[in-house]
C-alpha atoms as a PDB file:
ATOM      1  CA  MET A   1    -222.633 -79.359-120.279  1.00  0.00           C
ATOM      2  CA  THR A   2    -222.725 -83.164-119.255  1.00  0.00           C
ATOM      3  CA  ALA A   3    -219.859 -85.439-120.385  1.00  0.00           C
ATOM      4  CA  GLY A   4    -222.307 -88.236-120.740  1.00  0.00           C
ATOM      5  CA  TRP A   5    -223.761 -89.481-123.996  1.00  0.00           C
ATOM      6  CA  ILE A   6    -227.279 -89.213-124.942  1.00  0.00           C
ATOM      7  CA  GLY A   7    -229.223 -91.403-127.518  1.00  0.00           C
ATOM      8  CA  VAL A   8    -229.275 -95.152-127.506  1.00  0.00           C
ATOM      9  CA  GLY A   9    -229.788 -95.773-131.260  1.00  0.00           C
ATOM     10  CA  LYS A  10    -227.481 -95.311-134.413  1.00  0.00           C
ATOM     11  CA  VAL A  11    -227.009 -91.589-133.436  1.00  0.00           C
ATOM     12  CA  ARG A  12    -225.435 -90.460-130.111  1.00  0.00           C
ATOM     13  CA  ALA A  13    -224.299 -87.057-128.826  1.00  0.00           C
ATOM     14  CA  ARG A  14    -222.506 -85.666-125.870  1.00  0.00           C
ATOM     15  CA  GLU A  15    -221.529 -81.901-125.041  1.00  0.00           C
ATOM     16  CA  SER A  16    -218.189 -81.405-123.229  1.00  0.00           C
ATOM     17  CA  GLY A  17    -217.551 -77.465-122.619  1.00  0.00           C
ATOM     18  CA  ASP A  18    -218.148 -75.899-125.625  1.00  0.00           C
ATOM     19  CA  VAL A  19    -217.510 -79.006-127.730  1.00  0.00           C
ATOM     20  CA  VAL A  20    -220.386 -80.868-129.230  1.00  0.00           C
ATOM     21  CA  GLU A  21    -219.778 -84.514-130.450  1.00  0.00           C
ATOM     22  CA  ILE A  22    -222.055 -86.496-132.254  1.00  0.00           C
ATOM     23  CA  THR A  23    -221.501 -89.974-133.691  1.00  0.00           C
ATOM     24  CA  ILE A  24    -223.565 -92.235-136.099  1.00  0.00           C
ATOM     25  CA  ASP A  25    -222.765 -96.081-136.128  1.00  0.00           C
ATOM     26  CA  GLY A  26    -222.560 -97.711-139.633  1.00  0.00           C
ATOM     27  CA  LEU A  27    -221.750 -96.488-142.955  1.00  0.00           C
ATOM     28  CA  THR A  28    -223.826 -96.363-146.100  1.00  0.00           C
ATOM     29  CA  THR A  29    -222.901 -94.994-149.727  1.00  0.00           C
ATOM     30  CA  GLN A  30    -225.962 -92.810-149.634  1.00  0.00           C
ATOM     31  CA  ALA A  31    -225.093 -89.450-148.324  1.00  0.00           C
ATOM     32  CA  LYS A  32    -229.002 -88.586-148.017  1.00  0.00           C
ATOM     33  CA  TYR A  33    -229.281 -91.188-145.656  1.00  0.00           C
ATOM     34  CA  TYR A  34    -227.695 -89.418-142.929  1.00  0.00           C
ATOM     35  CA  LYS A  35    -229.620 -86.138-142.967  1.00  0.00           C
ATOM     36  CA  PRO A  36    -232.900 -87.368-141.696  1.00  0.00           C
ATOM     37  CA  LEU A  37    -231.285 -89.811-139.296  1.00  0.00           C
ATOM     38  CA  VAL A  38    -229.395 -86.873-137.658  1.00  0.00           C
ATOM     39  CA  TYR A  39    -232.157 -84.355-137.943  1.00  0.00           C
ATOM     40  CA  GLU A  40    -234.633 -86.645-135.986  1.00  0.00           C
ATOM     41  CA  PHE A  41    -231.989 -87.161-133.456  1.00  0.00           C
ATOM     42  CA  MET A  42    -231.422 -83.592-132.964  1.00  0.00           C
ATOM     43  CA  ARG A  43    -235.070 -82.873-133.103  1.00  0.00           C
ATOM     44  CA  LYS A  44    -236.194 -85.404-130.577  1.00  0.00           C
ATOM     45  CA  GLU A  45    -233.065 -85.682-128.192  1.00  0.00           C
ATOM     46  CA  TRP A  46    -231.251 -82.277-128.239  1.00  0.00           C
ATOM     47  CA  SER A  47    -232.003 -79.413-125.903  1.00  0.00           C
ATOM     48  CA  SER A  48    -229.180 -76.941-126.357  1.00  0.00           C
ATOM     49  CA  ARG A  49    -230.174 -73.931-128.255  1.00  0.00           C
ATOM     50  CA  PRO A  50    -228.373 -72.637-131.613  1.00  0.00           C
ATOM     51  CA  SER A  51    -225.758 -69.752-131.192  1.00  0.00           C
ATOM     52  CA  TYR A  52    -224.354 -67.329-133.192  1.00  0.00           C
ATOM     53  CA  GLY A  53    -220.746 -66.748-134.121  1.00  0.00           C
ATOM     54  CA  ASP A  54    -217.980 -68.720-136.155  1.00  0.00           C
ATOM     55  CA  TYR A  55    -217.950 -72.554-135.654  1.00  0.00           C
ATOM     56  CA  VAL A  56    -215.497 -75.055-136.719  1.00  0.00           C
ATOM     57  CA  VAL A  57    -216.938 -78.603-138.142  1.00  0.00           C
ATOM     58  CA  GLU A  58    -214.716 -81.652-138.147  1.00  0.00           C
ATOM     59  CA  ILE A  59    -216.306 -84.853-139.884  1.00  0.00           C
ATOM     60  CA  LEU A  60    -214.417 -87.813-139.514  1.00  0.00           C
ATOM     61  CA  MET A  61    -215.688 -90.928-141.686  1.00  0.00           C
ATOM     62  CA  GLU A  62    -214.003 -94.081-140.167  1.00  0.00           C
ATOM     63  CA  HIS A  63    -214.181 -97.377-142.312  1.00  0.00           C
ATOM     64  CA  VAL A  64    -212.889-100.858-142.079  1.00  0.00           C
ATOM     65  CA  GLY A  65    -211.316-102.214-145.079  1.00  0.00           C
ATOM     66  CA  ASP A  66    -211.760-100.477-148.485  1.00  0.00           C
ATOM     67  CA  PRO A  67    -213.590 -97.174-147.886  1.00  0.00           C
ATOM     68  CA  PRO A  68    -217.229 -96.822-149.158  1.00  0.00           C
ATOM     69  CA  TRP A  69    -217.816 -95.099-152.411  1.00  0.00           C
ATOM     70  CA  LEU A  70    -219.202 -91.976-150.783  1.00  0.00           C
ATOM     71  CA  ASP A  71    -218.306 -88.372-151.904  1.00  0.00           C
ATOM     72  CA  LEU A  72    -217.122 -86.532-148.683  1.00  0.00           C
ATOM     73  CA  ASP A  73    -218.640 -83.230-149.916  1.00  0.00           C
ATOM     74  CA  ASN A  74    -221.884 -84.699-150.153  1.00  0.00           C
ATOM     75  CA  LEU A  75    -221.752 -86.252-146.562  1.00  0.00           C
ATOM     76  CA  ALA A  76    -220.617 -82.751-145.340  1.00  0.00           C
ATOM     77  CA  LYS A  77    -223.633 -81.201-146.849  1.00  0.00           C
ATOM     78  CA  ALA A  78    -226.224 -83.539-145.541  1.00  0.00           C
ATOM     79  CA  LEU A  79    -224.502 -83.598-142.075  1.00  0.00           C
ATOM     80  CA  LEU A  80    -224.388 -79.636-141.888  1.00  0.00           C
ATOM     81  CA  ASP A  81    -228.002 -79.312-143.089  1.00  0.00           C
ATOM     82  CA  ALA A  82    -228.924 -82.068-140.217  1.00  0.00           C
ATOM     83  CA  ILE A  83    -227.258 -80.015-137.443  1.00  0.00           C
ATOM     84  CA  LYS A  84    -228.176 -76.437-138.738  1.00  0.00           C
ATOM     85  CA  GLY A  85    -230.830 -74.926-136.487  1.00  0.00           C
ATOM     86  CA  TYR A  86    -229.662 -76.814-133.411  1.00  0.00           C
ATOM     87  CA  LEU A  87    -225.923 -76.090-132.991  1.00  0.00           C
ATOM     88  CA  PHE A  88    -225.941 -73.074-135.171  1.00  0.00           C
ATOM     89  CA  HIS A  89    -228.210 -70.980-136.878  1.00  0.00           C
ATOM     90  CA  ASP A  90    -226.850 -71.143-140.488  1.00  0.00           C
ATOM     91  CA  ASP A  91    -224.468 -72.972-142.686  1.00  0.00           C
ATOM     92  CA  ALA A  92    -222.607 -69.573-143.135  1.00  0.00           C
ATOM     93  CA  GLN A  93    -221.522 -69.491-139.613  1.00  0.00           C
ATOM     94  CA  VAL A  94    -219.218 -72.509-140.500  1.00  0.00           C
ATOM     95  CA  ALA A  95    -215.776 -70.736-140.761  1.00  0.00           C
ATOM     96  CA  ARG A  96    -213.793 -74.006-140.782  1.00  0.00           C
ATOM     97  CA  LEU A  97    -214.771 -77.408-142.334  1.00  0.00           C
ATOM     98  CA  LEU A  98    -212.649 -80.308-142.005  1.00  0.00           C
ATOM     99  CA  VAL A  99    -213.971 -83.438-143.741  1.00  0.00           C
ATOM    100  CA  GLU A 100    -211.813 -86.539-143.558  1.00  0.00           C
ATOM    101  CA  ARG A 101    -211.807 -90.455-144.384  1.00  0.00           C
ATOM    102  CA  SER A 102    -209.646 -92.758-142.422  1.00  0.00           C
ATOM    103  CA  GLU A 103    -209.369 -96.311-141.646  1.00  0.00           C
ATOM    104  CA  GLY A 104    -210.800 -97.282-138.010  1.00  0.00           C
ATOM    105  CA  GLU A 105    -211.543 -99.967-135.827  1.00  0.00           C
ATOM    106  CA  ARG A 106    -215.280 -99.880-136.850  1.00  0.00           C
ATOM    107  CA  GLU A 107    -217.217 -98.199-139.296  1.00  0.00           C
ATOM    108  CA  ARG A 108    -218.722 -94.752-137.842  1.00  0.00           C
ATOM    109  CA  ILE A 109    -219.120 -90.882-138.535  1.00  0.00           C
ATOM    110  CA  THR A 110    -217.843 -88.591-135.894  1.00  0.00           C
ATOM    111  CA  ILE A 111    -218.978 -84.782-136.170  1.00  0.00           C
ATOM    112  CA  ARG A 112    -217.117 -82.289-133.790  1.00  0.00           C
ATOM    113  CA  VAL A 113    -218.687 -78.682-133.580  1.00  0.00           C
ATOM    114  CA  PHE A 114    -217.015 -75.765-131.337  1.00  0.00           C
ATOM    115  CA  PRO A 115    -216.894 -72.117-131.776  1.00  0.00           C
ATOM    116  CA  ARG A 116    -214.070 -70.835-133.415  1.00  0.00           C
ATOM    117  CA  ARG A 117    -211.368 -69.111-131.417  1.00  0.00           C
ATOM    118  CA  SER A 118    -210.131 -65.770-132.323  1.00  0.00           C
ATOM    119  CA  HIS A 119    -206.343 -65.500-133.481  1.00  0.00           C
ATOM    120  CA  ALA A 120    -205.852 -62.383-131.322  1.00  0.00           C
ATOM    121  CA  SER A 121    -206.949 -64.028-128.050  1.00  0.00           C
END
């Protein structure tokens, strides 16, 4: 549970409480590019074990100028495949998925993953 970033390349991550945030610098139109990139990072750098229960996953693609011609659903699938087994055991645990594209200060993708809270509590 450190607030510091780990990783020195295109992919970095940090854990703050029960929220995991992963950033990927740069954009490409090939969603399949991201799966091995993030998977390798998780395999080499990530030490926490996956958990059970429902999760919320938020994916934000920030672009500068015109957005890249990239299907957000393909991007989400590639990223979920890459973090499965590291943050949660299976895609079926994702109870809420938000995938968004917006103009930003630099080209990057941010993934936030956290346990879904019960509405009763």
